[in-house]
Amino acid sequence: MDSIKMACAALALGLLGACASPQDKAANAQADAAKAQERVANERLELVNKYQKCVKDAGDDQQKASACDSYLKAADALK
């Protein structure tokens, strides 16, 4: 009988330990949000770099340079 009580107590402690506290959940959510913001910032930087390269490659050709605006608009959309 004592071994059953001990097993139940160990099981209860194990289940309680497996539950994350609200603080843990909030910290995880905050870390996930920071990672998502970092990915967006990296994508924006990549789009701006593509825009700058496109404008440089276009040189004096206004038609080619205006085609590069899609990179800039995409970067602005990620703000």
N, C-alpha and C. Protein backbone atom coordinates (compact mmCIF):
# COMPACT_ATOMS: atom_id res chain seq x y z
N MET A 1 0.82 -1.19 0.00
CA MET A 1 0.00 0.00 0.00
C MET A 1 0.86 1.26 0.00
N ASP A 2 1.96 1.22 0.76
CA ASP A 2 2.84 2.38 0.80
C ASP A 2 3.50 2.63 -0.55
N SER A 3 3.81 1.58 -1.27
CA SER A 3 4.45 1.75 -2.57
C SER A 3 3.48 2.39 -3.57
N ILE A 4 2.19 2.10 -3.42
CA ILE A 4 1.19 2.71 -4.31
C ILE A 4 1.10 4.20 -4.01
N LYS A 5 1.12 4.57 -2.72
CA LYS A 5 1.07 5.99 -2.34
C LYS A 5 2.30 6.72 -2.85
N MET A 6 3.45 6.08 -2.74
CA MET A 6 4.68 6.71 -3.21
C MET A 6 4.67 6.87 -4.73
N ALA A 7 4.14 5.87 -5.41
CA ALA A 7 4.06 5.95 -6.87
C ALA A 7 3.10 7.06 -7.28
N CYS A 8 1.99 7.19 -6.61
CA CYS A 8 1.03 8.26 -6.90
C CYS A 8 1.64 9.63 -6.61
N ALA A 9 2.36 9.74 -5.52
CA ALA A 9 3.00 11.00 -5.17
C ALA A 9 4.06 11.36 -6.20
N ALA A 10 4.83 10.39 -6.65
CA ALA A 10 5.86 10.64 -7.66
C ALA A 10 5.22 11.05 -8.98
N LEU A 11 4.12 10.40 -9.32
CA LEU A 11 3.41 10.73 -10.55
C LEU A 11 2.85 12.16 -10.48
N ALA A 12 2.28 12.51 -9.34
CA ALA A 12 1.72 13.85 -9.16
C ALA A 12 2.82 14.90 -9.26
N LEU A 13 3.95 14.67 -8.64
CA LEU A 13 5.07 15.61 -8.71
C LEU A 13 5.59 15.73 -10.14
N GLY A 14 5.64 14.61 -10.82
CA GLY A 14 6.09 14.63 -12.21
C GLY A 14 5.16 15.43 -13.10
N LEU A 15 3.87 15.27 -12.89
CA LEU A 15 2.89 16.02 -13.69
C LEU A 15 2.94 17.51 -13.37
N LEU A 16 3.12 17.84 -12.11
CA LEU A 16 3.22 19.26 -11.74
C LEU A 16 4.48 19.89 -12.31
N GLY A 17 5.55 19.13 -12.32
CA GLY A 17 6.80 19.66 -12.85
C GLY A 17 6.77 19.84 -14.36
N ALA A 18 5.92 19.09 -15.04
CA ALA A 18 5.84 19.18 -16.50
C ALA A 18 5.08 20.41 -16.96
N CYS A 19 4.26 20.95 -16.10
CA CYS A 19 3.47 22.13 -16.46
C CYS A 19 4.35 23.36 -16.45
N ALA A 20 4.25 24.15 -17.50
CA ALA A 20 5.03 25.39 -17.57
C ALA A 20 4.26 26.49 -16.85
N SER A 21 5.00 27.32 -16.17
CA SER A 21 4.38 28.43 -15.48
C SER A 21 4.00 29.52 -16.48
N PRO A 22 3.11 30.42 -16.11
CA PRO A 22 2.76 31.52 -17.01
C PRO A 22 3.98 32.38 -17.37
N GLN A 23 4.91 32.48 -16.43
CA GLN A 23 6.12 33.25 -16.72
C GLN A 23 6.96 32.57 -17.79
N ASP A 24 7.03 31.23 -17.71
CA ASP A 24 7.78 30.49 -18.73
C ASP A 24 7.12 30.63 -20.09
N LYS A 25 5.81 30.54 -20.12
CA LYS A 25 5.08 30.68 -21.37
C LYS A 25 5.28 32.08 -21.96
N ALA A 26 5.24 33.09 -21.10
CA ALA A 26 5.43 34.46 -21.57
C ALA A 26 6.85 34.66 -22.10
N ALA A 27 7.82 34.08 -21.41
CA ALA A 27 9.21 34.20 -21.86
C ALA A 27 9.41 33.51 -23.21
N ASN A 28 8.79 32.35 -23.37
CA ASN A 28 8.88 31.65 -24.65
C ASN A 28 8.21 32.43 -25.77
N ALA A 29 7.06 33.01 -25.48
CA ALA A 29 6.36 33.80 -26.49
C ALA A 29 7.17 35.03 -26.87
N GLN A 30 7.80 35.65 -25.89
CA GLN A 30 8.63 36.82 -26.16
C GLN A 30 9.84 36.44 -27.01
N ALA A 31 10.44 35.32 -26.71
CA ALA A 31 11.60 34.87 -27.49
C ALA A 31 11.18 34.55 -28.92
N ASP A 32 10.02 33.93 -29.09
CA ASP A 32 9.52 33.63 -30.44
C ASP A 32 9.24 34.92 -31.20
N ALA A 33 8.67 35.92 -30.53
CA ALA A 33 8.39 37.20 -31.19
C ALA A 33 9.68 37.89 -31.60
N ALA A 34 10.69 37.82 -30.77
CA ALA A 34 11.98 38.44 -31.10
C ALA A 34 12.60 37.76 -32.32
N LYS A 35 12.49 36.44 -32.39
CA LYS A 35 13.02 35.72 -33.55
C LYS A 35 12.28 36.10 -34.82
N ALA A 36 10.97 36.24 -34.71
CA ALA A 36 10.17 36.63 -35.88
C ALA A 36 10.55 38.04 -36.34
N GLN A 37 10.74 38.95 -35.40
CA GLN A 37 11.15 40.31 -35.75
C GLN A 37 12.52 40.30 -36.41
N GLU A 38 13.41 39.46 -35.94
CA GLU A 38 14.74 39.37 -36.53
C GLU A 38 14.66 38.86 -37.97
N ARG A 39 13.80 37.87 -38.20
CA ARG A 39 13.64 37.35 -39.57
C ARG A 39 13.09 38.42 -40.50
N VAL A 40 12.13 39.21 -40.01
CA VAL A 40 11.56 40.29 -40.83
C VAL A 40 12.62 41.34 -41.12
N ALA A 41 13.40 41.70 -40.12
CA ALA A 41 14.45 42.70 -40.32
C ALA A 41 15.48 42.20 -41.33
N ASN A 42 15.84 40.93 -41.26
CA ASN A 42 16.80 40.37 -42.22
C ASN A 42 16.23 40.37 -43.63
N GLU A 43 14.95 40.06 -43.76
CA GLU A 43 14.30 40.06 -45.07
C GLU A 43 14.27 41.48 -45.64
N ARG A 44 13.96 42.46 -44.80
CA ARG A 44 13.95 43.86 -45.25
C ARG A 44 15.33 44.28 -45.72
N LEU A 45 16.35 43.90 -44.97
CA LEU A 45 17.72 44.25 -45.33
C LEU A 45 18.10 43.63 -46.66
N GLU A 46 17.70 42.39 -46.87
CA GLU A 46 17.99 41.71 -48.13
C GLU A 46 17.29 42.42 -49.30
N LEU A 47 16.04 42.83 -49.09
CA LEU A 47 15.31 43.53 -50.15
C LEU A 47 15.94 44.89 -50.46
N VAL A 48 16.38 45.59 -49.44
CA VAL A 48 17.03 46.89 -49.66
C VAL A 48 18.35 46.70 -50.41
N ASN A 49 19.09 45.66 -50.06
CA ASN A 49 20.34 45.38 -50.78
C ASN A 49 20.07 45.05 -52.24
N LYS A 50 19.01 44.28 -52.50
CA LYS A 50 18.65 43.96 -53.88
C LYS A 50 18.25 45.23 -54.63
N TYR A 51 17.52 46.11 -53.95
CA TYR A 51 17.11 47.37 -54.57
C TYR A 51 18.34 48.20 -54.95
N GLN A 52 19.27 48.33 -54.02
CA GLN A 52 20.47 49.13 -54.28
C GLN A 52 21.28 48.55 -55.43
N LYS A 53 21.41 47.24 -55.47
CA LYS A 53 22.14 46.60 -56.56
C LYS A 53 21.42 46.81 -57.89
N CYS A 54 20.11 46.70 -57.87
CA CYS A 54 19.31 46.86 -59.08
C CYS A 54 19.45 48.27 -59.63
N VAL A 55 19.38 49.27 -58.74
CA VAL A 55 19.52 50.67 -59.17
C VAL A 55 20.92 50.90 -59.72
N LYS A 56 21.92 50.34 -59.07
CA LYS A 56 23.30 50.50 -59.54
C LYS A 56 23.46 49.87 -60.92
N ASP A 57 22.90 48.66 -61.09
CA ASP A 57 23.00 47.98 -62.37
C ASP A 57 22.21 48.70 -63.47
N ALA A 58 21.13 49.37 -63.08
CA ALA A 58 20.30 50.08 -64.06
C ALA A 58 21.01 51.30 -64.63
N GLY A 59 21.88 51.88 -63.82
CA GLY A 59 22.62 53.06 -64.28
C GLY A 59 21.69 54.21 -64.63
N ASP A 60 21.81 54.74 -65.84
CA ASP A 60 21.00 55.88 -66.26
C ASP A 60 19.68 55.47 -66.90
N ASP A 61 19.44 54.19 -67.04
CA ASP A 61 18.21 53.70 -67.66
C ASP A 61 17.05 53.82 -66.67
N GLN A 62 16.20 54.83 -66.87
CA GLN A 62 15.10 55.10 -65.94
C GLN A 62 14.08 53.96 -65.91
N GLN A 63 13.87 53.31 -67.05
CA GLN A 63 12.89 52.23 -67.10
C GLN A 63 13.35 51.06 -66.23
N LYS A 64 14.63 50.72 -66.31
CA LYS A 64 15.17 49.65 -65.47
C LYS A 64 15.16 50.06 -64.00
N ALA A 65 15.49 51.32 -63.74
CA ALA A 65 15.52 51.80 -62.36
C ALA A 65 14.12 51.78 -61.75
N SER A 66 13.11 52.12 -62.53
CA SER A 66 11.75 52.10 -61.99
C SER A 66 11.29 50.67 -61.71
N ALA A 67 11.83 49.71 -62.45
CA ALA A 67 11.51 48.30 -62.19
C ALA A 67 12.06 47.86 -60.84
N CYS A 68 13.07 48.53 -60.36
CA CYS A 68 13.69 48.19 -59.07
C CYS A 68 12.80 48.59 -57.90
N ASP A 69 11.83 49.46 -58.15
CA ASP A 69 10.97 49.94 -57.07
C ASP A 69 10.21 48.81 -56.38
N SER A 70 10.03 47.70 -57.06
CA SER A 70 9.30 46.58 -56.43
C SER A 70 10.04 46.09 -55.19
N TYR A 71 11.38 46.11 -55.23
CA TYR A 71 12.15 45.71 -54.05
C TYR A 71 11.92 46.68 -52.90
N LEU A 72 11.92 47.97 -53.23
CA LEU A 72 11.74 48.98 -52.19
C LEU A 72 10.33 48.92 -51.61
N LYS A 73 9.34 48.71 -52.45
CA LYS A 73 7.95 48.62 -51.97
C LYS A 73 7.78 47.39 -51.09
N ALA A 74 8.42 46.29 -51.46
CA ALA A 74 8.33 45.07 -50.65
C ALA A 74 8.98 45.29 -49.28
N ALA A 75 10.10 46.00 -49.27
CA ALA A 75 10.78 46.27 -48.00
C ALA A 75 9.92 47.17 -47.13
N ASP A 76 9.27 48.17 -47.74
CA ASP A 76 8.39 49.06 -46.98
C ASP A 76 7.18 48.31 -46.41
N ALA A 77 6.71 47.33 -47.16
CA ALA A 77 5.55 46.56 -46.70
C ALA A 77 5.87 45.74 -45.45
N LEU A 78 7.13 45.46 -45.22
CA LEU A 78 7.52 44.66 -44.06
C LEU A 78 7.76 45.49 -42.80
N LYS A 79 7.48 46.76 -42.86
CA LYS A 79 7.67 47.60 -41.66
C LYS A 79 6.69 47.25 -40.59
